[in-house]
C-alpha atoms as a PDB file:
ATOM      1  CA  MET A   1      -6.835  39.122 -29.825  1.00  0.00           C
ATOM      2  CA  GLY A   2      -9.633  36.450 -28.733  1.00  0.00           C
ATOM      3  CA  ASN A   3     -11.399  36.228 -25.445  1.00  0.00           C
ATOM      4  CA  LYS A   4      -9.935  35.712 -22.688  1.00  0.00           C
ATOM      5  CA  TYR A   5     -11.547  33.498 -19.327  1.00  0.00           C
ATOM      6  CA  ARG A   6     -11.388  32.276 -16.431  1.00  0.00           C
ATOM      7  CA  THR A   7     -12.109  28.604 -15.196  1.00  0.00           C
ATOM      8  CA  SER A   8     -15.095  29.645 -12.999  1.00  0.00           C
ATOM      9  CA  GLU A   9     -16.559  31.709 -16.042  1.00  0.00           C
ATOM     10  CA  VAL A  10     -15.464  29.025 -18.648  1.00  0.00           C
ATOM     11  CA  ALA A  11     -17.603  26.651 -16.192  1.00  0.00           C
ATOM     12  CA  LYS A  12     -20.533  28.821 -15.920  1.00  0.00           C
ATOM     13  CA  MET A  13     -20.634  28.892 -19.642  1.00  0.00           C
ATOM     14  CA  ILE A  14     -20.933  25.534 -20.648  1.00  0.00           C
ATOM     15  CA  GLY A  15     -22.986  24.527 -17.365  1.00  0.00           C
ATOM     16  CA  VAL A  16     -20.240  22.575 -15.534  1.00  0.00           C
ATOM     17  CA  HIS A  17     -18.382  22.907 -11.779  1.00  0.00           C
ATOM     18  CA  PRO A  18     -15.028  24.591 -11.866  1.00  0.00           C
ATOM     19  CA  ASN A  19     -13.793  21.098 -10.669  1.00  0.00           C
ATOM     20  CA  THR A  20     -15.014  19.651 -14.081  1.00  0.00           C
ATOM     21  CA  VAL A  21     -13.202  22.239 -16.128  1.00  0.00           C
ATOM     22  CA  ARG A  22     -10.147  21.340 -14.168  1.00  0.00           C
ATOM     23  CA  LEU A  23     -10.709  17.516 -15.150  1.00  0.00           C
ATOM     24  CA  TYR A  24     -10.863  17.910 -18.804  1.00  0.00           C
ATOM     25  CA  GLU A  25      -7.517  19.396 -18.829  1.00  0.00           C
ATOM     26  CA  LYS A  26      -5.745  16.229 -16.469  1.00  0.00           C
ATOM     27  CA  TYR A  27      -7.588  14.212 -18.878  1.00  0.00           C
ATOM     28  CA  GLN A  28      -6.364  15.710 -21.641  1.00  0.00           C
ATOM     29  CA  LEU A  29      -9.751  16.582 -23.377  1.00  0.00           C
ATOM     30  CA  ILE A  30      -9.372  20.354 -23.698  1.00  0.00           C
ATOM     31  CA  SER A  31      -5.803  21.922 -25.262  1.00  0.00           C
ATOM     32  CA  LYS A  32      -3.576  23.127 -22.258  1.00  0.00           C
ATOM     33  CA  PRO A  33      -4.433  26.583 -20.868  1.00  0.00           C
ATOM     34  CA  GLU A  34      -2.040  29.047 -20.483  1.00  0.00           C
ATOM     35  CA  ARG A  35      -1.521  30.581 -17.091  1.00  0.00           C
ATOM     36  CA  GLN A  36      -0.808  33.973 -15.807  1.00  0.00           C
ATOM     37  CA  ASP A  37       1.904  35.094 -13.404  1.00  0.00           C
ATOM     38  CA  ASN A  38      -0.644  34.073 -10.706  1.00  0.00           C
ATOM     39  CA  GLY A  39      -0.920  30.633 -11.671  1.00  0.00           C
ATOM     40  CA  TYR A  40      -4.589  31.363 -12.869  1.00  0.00           C
ATOM     41  CA  ARG A  41      -5.787  29.594 -16.279  1.00  0.00           C
ATOM     42  CA  VAL A  42      -6.598  31.541 -18.895  1.00  0.00           C
ATOM     43  CA  PHE A  43      -8.770  29.866 -21.455  1.00  0.00           C
ATOM     44  CA  THR A  44      -9.988  30.700 -24.864  1.00  0.00           C
ATOM     45  CA  ASP A  45     -13.055  30.600 -27.527  1.00  0.00           C
ATOM     46  CA  LEU A  46     -10.508  27.511 -28.523  1.00  0.00           C
ATOM     47  CA  HIS A  47     -11.587  25.446 -25.183  1.00  0.00           C
ATOM     48  CA  VAL A  48     -14.812  26.805 -25.168  1.00  0.00           C
ATOM     49  CA  GLU A  49     -15.611  25.141 -27.846  1.00  0.00           C
ATOM     50  CA  GLN A  50     -13.124  22.174 -27.283  1.00  0.00           C
ATOM     51  CA  PHE A  51     -15.133  21.940 -24.113  1.00  0.00           C
ATOM     52  CA  LYS A  52     -18.668  21.851 -25.931  1.00  0.00           C
ATOM     53  CA  LEU A  53     -17.244  19.315 -28.224  1.00  0.00           C
ATOM     54  CA  ALA A  54     -16.448  17.248 -25.224  1.00  0.00           C
ATOM     55  CA  ARG A  55     -19.415  17.255 -23.731  1.00  0.00           C
ATOM     56  CA  ALA A  56     -22.107  16.400 -26.703  1.00  0.00           C
ATOM     57  CA  ALA A  57     -19.247  13.261 -28.237  1.00  0.00           C
ATOM     58  CA  LEU A  58     -19.675  11.822 -24.373  1.00  0.00           C
ATOM     59  CA  LYS A  59     -23.106  12.692 -23.760  1.00  0.00           C
ATOM     60  CA  VAL A  60     -24.381   9.255 -24.318  1.00  0.00           C
ATOM     61  CA  GLU A  61     -22.667   6.423 -22.782  1.00  0.00           C
ATOM     62  CA  VAL A  62     -22.642   3.982 -25.402  1.00  0.00           C
ATOM     63  CA  LEU A  63     -19.743   1.406 -24.232  1.00  0.00           C
ATOM     64  CA  GLN A  64     -19.816  -1.632 -26.539  1.00  0.00           C
ATOM     65  CA  ASN A  65     -17.564  -2.693 -28.993  1.00  0.00           C
ATOM     66  CA  GLY A  66     -15.274   0.513 -28.240  1.00  0.00           C
ATOM     67  CA  LEU A  67     -17.484   3.156 -29.115  1.00  0.00           C
ATOM     68  CA  ARG A  68     -16.456   4.938 -25.868  1.00  0.00           C
ATOM     69  CA  LYS A  69     -13.061   4.945 -26.474  1.00  0.00           C
ATOM     70  CA  LYS A  70     -14.090   6.233 -30.234  1.00  0.00           C
ATOM     71  CA  ALA A  71     -16.072   9.089 -28.449  1.00  0.00           C
ATOM     72  CA  VAL A  72     -13.038   9.942 -26.488  1.00  0.00           C
ATOM     73  CA  ASP A  73     -10.278   9.500 -28.991  1.00  0.00           C
ATOM     74  CA  ILE A  74     -12.235  12.418 -31.521  1.00  0.00           C
ATOM     75  CA  VAL A  75     -12.026  14.538 -28.169  1.00  0.00           C
ATOM     76  CA  LYS A  76      -8.090  14.207 -27.684  1.00  0.00           C
ATOM     77  CA  ALA A  77      -7.974  14.768 -31.245  1.00  0.00           C
ATOM     78  CA  SER A  78      -9.950  18.034 -31.075  1.00  0.00           C
ATOM     79  CA  ALA A  79      -7.782  19.054 -27.938  1.00  0.00           C
ATOM     80  CA  THR A  80      -4.034  18.751 -29.819  1.00  0.00           C
ATOM     81  CA  LYS A  81      -5.917  20.900 -32.911  1.00  0.00           C
ATOM     82  CA  ASN A  82      -5.686  17.832 -34.679  1.00  0.00           C
ATOM     83  CA  PHE A  83      -9.206  18.423 -36.728  1.00  0.00           C
ATOM     84  CA  ASP A  84      -8.963  16.461 -39.819  1.00  0.00           C
ATOM     85  CA  THR A  85      -7.613  13.506 -37.114  1.00  0.00           C
ATOM     86  CA  ALA A  86     -10.782  14.157 -35.219  1.00  0.00           C
ATOM     87  CA  ILE A  87     -12.762  14.547 -38.505  1.00  0.00           C
ATOM     88  CA  CYS A  88     -11.567  10.674 -40.063  1.00  0.00           C
ATOM     89  CA  LEU A  89     -12.400   9.489 -36.134  1.00  0.00           C
ATOM     90  CA  THR A  90     -15.777  10.727 -35.857  1.00  0.00           C
ATOM     91  CA  GLU A  91     -16.806   9.507 -39.762  1.00  0.00           C
ATOM     92  CA  SER A  92     -15.412   5.883 -38.399  1.00  0.00           C
ATOM     93  CA  TYR A  93     -17.605   6.449 -35.009  1.00  0.00           C
ATOM     94  CA  LEU A  94     -20.335   7.295 -37.192  1.00  0.00           C
ATOM     95  CA  SER A  95     -20.129   4.449 -39.310  1.00  0.00           C
ATOM     96  CA  GLN A  96     -19.890   1.771 -36.275  1.00  0.00           C
ATOM     97  CA  ILE A  97     -22.877   3.268 -34.633  1.00  0.00           C
ATOM     98  CA  ARG A  98     -24.581   2.761 -37.768  1.00  0.00           C
ATOM     99  CA  THR A  99     -23.798  -0.662 -37.888  1.00  0.00           C
ATOM    100  CA  GLU A 100     -25.011  -1.301 -33.780  1.00  0.00           C
ATOM    101  CA  GLN A 101     -28.249   0.506 -35.095  1.00  0.00           C
ATOM    102  CA  GLN A 102     -28.907  -1.911 -37.968  1.00  0.00           C
ATOM    103  CA  ASN A 103     -27.880  -5.260 -35.658  1.00  0.00           C
ATOM    104  CA  ALA A 104     -30.112  -4.061 -33.014  1.00  0.00           C
ATOM    105  CA  GLU A 105     -33.006  -3.635 -35.597  1.00  0.00           C
ATOM    106  CA  GLU A 106     -32.216  -6.847 -36.928  1.00  0.00           C
ATOM    107  CA  ALA A 107     -32.172  -8.883 -33.720  1.00  0.00           C
ATOM    108  CA  ILE A 108     -35.826  -7.298 -33.048  1.00  0.00           C
ATOM    109  CA  GLU A 109     -36.701  -8.856 -36.874  1.00  0.00           C
ATOM    110  CA  ILE A 110     -34.911 -12.076 -35.529  1.00  0.00           C
ATOM    111  CA  VAL A 111     -37.146 -12.445 -32.438  1.00  0.00           C
ATOM    112  CA  LYS A 112     -39.776 -12.064 -34.664  1.00  0.00           C
ATOM    113  CA  GLN A 113     -39.020 -14.755 -36.893  1.00  0.00           C
ATOM    114  CA  ILE A 114     -38.708 -16.689 -34.078  1.00  0.00           C
ATOM    115  CA  LEU A 115     -41.767 -15.857 -31.915  1.00  0.00           C
ATOM    116  CA  SER A 116     -43.584 -16.257 -35.511  1.00  0.00           C
ATOM    117  CA  ALA A 117     -42.306 -19.732 -36.209  1.00  0.00           C
ATOM    118  CA  SER A 118     -42.880 -21.016 -33.101  1.00  0.00           C
ATOM    119  CA  HIS A 119     -46.535 -19.651 -32.908  1.00  0.00           C
ATOM    120  CA  ARG A 120     -46.912 -21.460 -36.841  1.00  0.00           C
ATOM    121  CA  ALA A 121     -45.280 -24.977 -35.629  1.00  0.00           C
ATOM    122  CA  THR A 122     -47.728 -27.613 -36.023  1.00  0.00           C
ATOM    123  CA  GLU A 123     -45.877 -30.728 -34.914  1.00  0.00           C
ATOM    124  CA  SER A 124     -43.011 -30.658 -31.669  1.00  0.00           C
ATOM    125  CA  LYS A 125     -40.117 -31.849 -32.029  1.00  0.00           C
ATOM    126  CA  ASN A 126     -40.133 -32.960 -28.525  1.00  0.00           C
ATOM    127  CA  LEU A 127     -36.204 -31.576 -27.642  1.00  0.00           C
ATOM    128  CA  SER A 128     -35.447 -33.325 -24.469  1.00  0.00           C
ATOM    129  CA  LEU A 129     -31.201 -31.456 -24.024  1.00  0.00           C
ATOM    130  CA  THR A 130     -29.129 -31.229 -21.337  1.00  0.00           C
ATOM    131  CA  ARG A 131     -27.394 -28.025 -20.306  1.00  0.00           C
ATOM    132  CA  LYS A 132     -24.434 -29.462 -21.869  1.00  0.00           C
ATOM    133  CA  GLN A 133     -26.481 -30.303 -25.339  1.00  0.00           C
ATOM    134  CA  THR A 134     -28.265 -27.125 -25.431  1.00  0.00           C
ATOM    135  CA  ALA A 135     -24.979 -25.299 -25.000  1.00  0.00           C
ATOM    136  CA  GLU A 136     -23.675 -26.880 -28.109  1.00  0.00           C
ATOM    137  CA  TYR A 137     -26.959 -26.607 -30.197  1.00  0.00           C
ATOM    138  CA  LEU A 138     -27.227 -22.968 -29.148  1.00  0.00           C
ATOM    139  CA  GLN A 139     -23.469 -22.479 -29.791  1.00  0.00           C
ATOM    140  CA  VAL A 140     -22.699 -20.480 -26.504  1.00  0.00           C
ATOM    141  CA  THR A 141     -20.941 -21.087 -23.504  1.00  0.00           C
ATOM    142  CA  ILE A 142     -22.783 -23.043 -20.204  1.00  0.00           C
ATOM    143  CA  ASP A 143     -21.926 -20.276 -18.106  1.00  0.00           C
ATOM    144  CA  THR A 144     -23.913 -18.226 -20.402  1.00  0.00           C
ATOM    145  CA  LEU A 145     -26.963 -20.531 -19.701  1.00  0.00           C
ATOM    146  CA  ARG A 146     -26.400 -20.314 -15.948  1.00  0.00           C
ATOM    147  CA  ASN A 147     -25.709 -16.538 -15.957  1.00  0.00           C
ATOM    148  CA  TRP A 148     -29.130 -16.209 -18.335  1.00  0.00           C
ATOM    149  CA  GLU A 149     -30.924 -18.394 -16.025  1.00  0.00           C
ATOM    150  CA  LEU A 150     -29.461 -16.730 -12.708  1.00  0.00           C
ATOM    151  CA  ASN A 151     -30.875 -13.822 -14.199  1.00  0.00           C
ATOM    152  CA  GLY A 152     -34.426 -15.082 -14.155  1.00  0.00           C
ATOM    153  CA  LEU A 153     -34.474 -15.016 -18.222  1.00  0.00           C
ATOM    154  CA  ILE A 154     -35.445 -18.647 -17.990  1.00  0.00           C
ATOM    155  CA  THR A 155     -36.267 -21.111 -15.194  1.00  0.00           C
ATOM    156  CA  VAL A 156     -35.799 -24.852 -16.747  1.00  0.00           C
ATOM    157  CA  ARG A 157     -37.474 -27.587 -15.010  1.00  0.00           C
ATOM    158  CA  ARG A 158     -35.461 -30.598 -13.882  1.00  0.00           C
ATOM    159  CA  ARG A 159     -35.730 -34.083 -13.924  1.00  0.00           C
ATOM    160  CA  GLN A 160     -36.269 -36.198 -10.860  1.00  0.00           C
ATOM    161  CA  ASN A 161     -32.497 -36.938 -10.749  1.00  0.00           C
ATOM    162  CA  GLY A 162     -31.917 -32.921 -10.246  1.00  0.00           C
ATOM    163  CA  TYR A 163     -30.484 -32.378 -13.789  1.00  0.00           C
ATOM    164  CA  ARG A 164     -31.914 -29.293 -15.726  1.00  0.00           C
ATOM    165  CA  ILE A 165     -33.536 -31.004 -19.332  1.00  0.00           C
ATOM    166  CA  TYR A 166     -34.341 -28.416 -22.029  1.00  0.00           C
ATOM    167  CA  THR A 167     -37.642 -28.415 -24.005  1.00  0.00           C
ATOM    168  CA  ASP A 168     -38.530 -26.895 -27.359  1.00  0.00           C
ATOM    169  CA  ASP A 169     -39.974 -24.011 -26.035  1.00  0.00           C
ATOM    170  CA  ASP A 170     -36.777 -23.357 -23.835  1.00  0.00           C
ATOM    171  CA  ILE A 171     -34.836 -23.644 -27.484  1.00  0.00           C
ATOM    172  CA  MET A 172     -37.269 -20.947 -28.485  1.00  0.00           C
ATOM    173  CA  ARG A 173     -36.812 -18.744 -25.845  1.00  0.00           C
ATOM    174  CA  LEU A 174     -32.761 -18.969 -25.169  1.00  0.00           C
ATOM    175  CA  LYS A 175     -32.458 -18.405 -29.231  1.00  0.00           C
ATOM    176  CA  VAL A 176     -34.376 -14.924 -28.311  1.00  0.00           C
ATOM    177  CA  ILE A 177     -32.569 -13.991 -25.787  1.00  0.00           C
ATOM    178  CA  ARG A 178     -29.216 -15.186 -27.763  1.00  0.00           C
ATOM    179  CA  SER A 179     -30.380 -13.110 -31.086  1.00  0.00           C
ATOM    180  CA  LEU A 180     -31.111  -9.600 -28.640  1.00  0.00           C
ATOM    181  CA  ARG A 181     -28.050 -10.319 -26.519  1.00  0.00           C
ATOM    182  CA  CYS A 182     -25.823 -10.387 -29.070  1.00  0.00           C
ATOM    183  CA  ALA A 183     -26.811  -7.246 -30.519  1.00  0.00           C
ATOM    184  CA  ASN A 184     -26.182  -5.765 -27.049  1.00  0.00           C
ATOM    185  CA  TYR A 185     -29.580  -5.181 -25.747  1.00  0.00           C
ATOM    186  CA  SER A 186     -29.040  -5.604 -21.661  1.00  0.00           C
ATOM    187  CA  LEU A 187     -30.327  -8.165 -19.539  1.00  0.00           C
ATOM    188  CA  SER A 188     -33.133  -6.081 -17.827  1.00  0.00           C
ATOM    189  CA  ALA A 189     -34.420  -4.966 -21.259  1.00  0.00           C
ATOM    190  CA  ILE A 190     -34.703  -8.473 -22.410  1.00  0.00           C
ATOM    191  CA  LEU A 191     -36.113  -9.391 -19.030  1.00  0.00           C
ATOM    192  CA  ARG A 192     -38.809  -6.487 -19.812  1.00  0.00           C
ATOM    193  CA  MET A 193     -39.499  -7.522 -23.177  1.00  0.00           C
ATOM    194  CA  LEU A 194     -40.267 -11.371 -22.706  1.00  0.00           C
ATOM    195  CA  ALA A 195     -42.629 -10.424 -19.395  1.00  0.00           C
ATOM    196  CA  ALA A 196     -44.640  -8.636 -21.823  1.00  0.00           C
ATOM    197  CA  ILE A 197     -44.752 -11.039 -24.076  1.00  0.00           C
ATOM    198  CA  SER A 198     -46.002 -13.272 -21.988  1.00  0.00           C
ATOM    199  CA  HIS A 199     -48.456 -11.457 -21.371  1.00  0.00           C
ATOM    200  CA  ASP A 200     -49.586 -10.706 -24.647  1.00  0.00           C
ATOM    201  CA  PRO A 201     -47.794 -12.189 -27.714  1.00  0.00           C
ATOM    202  CA  SER A 202     -48.831  -9.371 -29.734  1.00  0.00           C
ATOM    203  CA  VAL A 203     -47.039  -6.486 -28.230  1.00  0.00           C
ATOM    204  CA  ASN A 204     -44.909  -4.437 -29.939  1.00  0.00           C
ATOM    205  CA  ILE A 205     -41.820  -5.832 -29.031  1.00  0.00           C
ATOM    206  CA  ARG A 206     -39.682  -2.717 -30.420  1.00  0.00           C
ATOM    207  CA  LYS A 207     -41.451  -0.313 -28.132  1.00  0.00           C
ATOM    208  CA  VAL A 208     -41.392  -2.848 -25.158  1.00  0.00           C
ATOM    209  CA  ILE A 209     -37.632  -3.751 -25.158  1.00  0.00           C
ATOM    210  CA  ASP A 210     -36.763   0.478 -25.631  1.00  0.00           C
ATOM    211  CA  THR A 211     -38.976   1.364 -22.950  1.00  0.00           C
ATOM    212  CA  PRO A 212     -37.749   1.200 -19.237  1.00  0.00           C
ATOM    213  CA  GLU A 213     -39.970   1.164 -16.238  1.00  0.00           C
ATOM    214  CA  HIS A 214     -40.812   3.813 -14.533  1.00  0.00           C
ATOM    215  CA  ASP A 215     -40.041   2.410 -11.365  1.00  0.00           C
ATOM    216  CA  ASP A 216     -36.619   1.205 -12.460  1.00  0.00           C
ATOM    217  CA  ASP A 217     -33.995   2.583 -10.574  1.00  0.00           C
ATOM    218  CA  ILE A 218     -30.900   2.356 -12.565  1.00  0.00           C
ATOM    219  CA  ILE A 219     -31.273   2.533 -16.455  1.00  0.00           C
ATOM    220  CA  SER A 220     -28.452   2.161 -18.463  1.00  0.00           C
ATOM    221  CA  VAL A 221     -28.099   2.858 -22.098  1.00  0.00           C
ATOM    222  CA  CYS A 222     -28.369  -0.820 -23.190  1.00  0.00           C
ATOM    223  CA  ASP A 223     -32.047  -0.648 -21.007  1.00  0.00           C
ATOM    224  CA  LYS A 224     -32.985   1.747 -24.374  1.00  0.00           C
ATOM    225  CA  LEU A 225     -30.331   0.600 -26.399  1.00  0.00           C
ATOM    226  CA  LEU A 226     -32.130   1.829 -29.538  1.00  0.00           C
ATOM    227  CA  THR A 227     -32.989   5.392 -28.373  1.00  0.00           C
ATOM    228  CA  SER A 228     -29.036   5.348 -26.994  1.00  0.00           C
ATOM    229  CA  LEU A 229     -27.795   4.789 -30.445  1.00  0.00           C
ATOM    230  CA  ARG A 230     -30.140   7.109 -32.439  1.00  0.00           C
ATOM    231  CA  GLU A 231     -29.265  10.074 -29.505  1.00  0.00           C
ATOM    232  CA  ALA A 232     -25.308   8.525 -30.041  1.00  0.00           C
ATOM    233  CA  GLU A 233     -26.083   9.404 -33.718  1.00  0.00           C
ATOM    234  CA  ASP A 234     -27.397  12.513 -33.351  1.00  0.00           C
ATOM    235  CA  ASN A 235     -24.588  14.057 -30.714  1.00  0.00           C
ATOM    236  CA  ALA A 236     -21.885  12.315 -33.303  1.00  0.00           C
ATOM    237  CA  LEU A 237     -23.400  14.783 -36.775  1.00  0.00           C
ATOM    238  CA  MET A 238     -23.072  17.807 -34.510  1.00  0.00           C
ATOM    239  CA  VAL A 239     -19.572  16.608 -33.420  1.00  0.00           C
ATOM    240  CA  MET A 240     -18.548  16.362 -36.834  1.00  0.00           C
ATOM    241  CA  ALA A 241     -20.219  19.707 -37.858  1.00  0.00           C
ATOM    242  CA  GLN A 242     -18.672  21.332 -34.767  1.00  0.00           C
ATOM    243  CA  LEU A 243     -15.351  19.744 -35.999  1.00  0.00           C
ATOM    244  CA  LYS A 244     -15.363  21.247 -39.575  1.00  0.00           C
ATOM    245  CA  ARG A 245     -16.691  24.681 -38.035  1.00  0.00           C
ATOM    246  CA  MET A 246     -13.426  24.485 -35.366  1.00  0.00           C
ATOM    247  CA  LYS A 247     -11.053  23.345 -38.420  1.00  0.00           C
ATOM    248  CA  LYS A 248     -12.232  26.617 -40.475  1.00  0.00           C
ATOM    249  CA  GLN A 249     -11.842  28.910 -37.068  1.00  0.00           C
ATOM    250  CA  PHE A 250      -8.729  27.922 -35.190  1.00  0.00           C
ATOM    251  CA  LYS A 251      -6.682  25.467 -37.878  1.00  0.00           C
END
């Protein structure tokens, strides 16, 4: 007969508040525990392992492209003891994380190429585009351009009639922004990188874009995307190993 635990004991073992234990049950992240005659929940070693797995799977809140939902699906499959399903879901989750990592790294290389090409250009094309023309040229929406400007990523000059005019430098900057946004870097991370480049063109782009300022009040996972994806991969590998152990122990 396996070990039996009360809510408070499980909470202490996992390092969470007892209310969190109840929330995990409510959201079906663990198997439904049996209850004693007095109504108290009775948890087992299976529940303890399910809690540990859920904590690892949901530790890094990487949200883009359905990754968060995939992590939740893994946990819920474990909660129903469908370990084979959970393992397959983890394999898919891990593959997508690695694709996101590749996209994030490729975006940085594209940015380096854009900046390098800009520095090598010997003669300017003297572009002078309207916002509509710029949106069409970059294949983004006008609202996207407006959003980037409102968030301080770019400041566009205006003609005497008040209309915005986008120059070669603006287009180069917008290509950089577009590449990084497509890879899910946050607006604040991109702004941080652009500011660093304006002060020092030789700055380490990869390091700057992944390192939030110490005095930033709120830091999201996309403000340090490379680190967050690497942590998500490490956690997914831990989840995979734990699921295989659980399959042997509790199947």
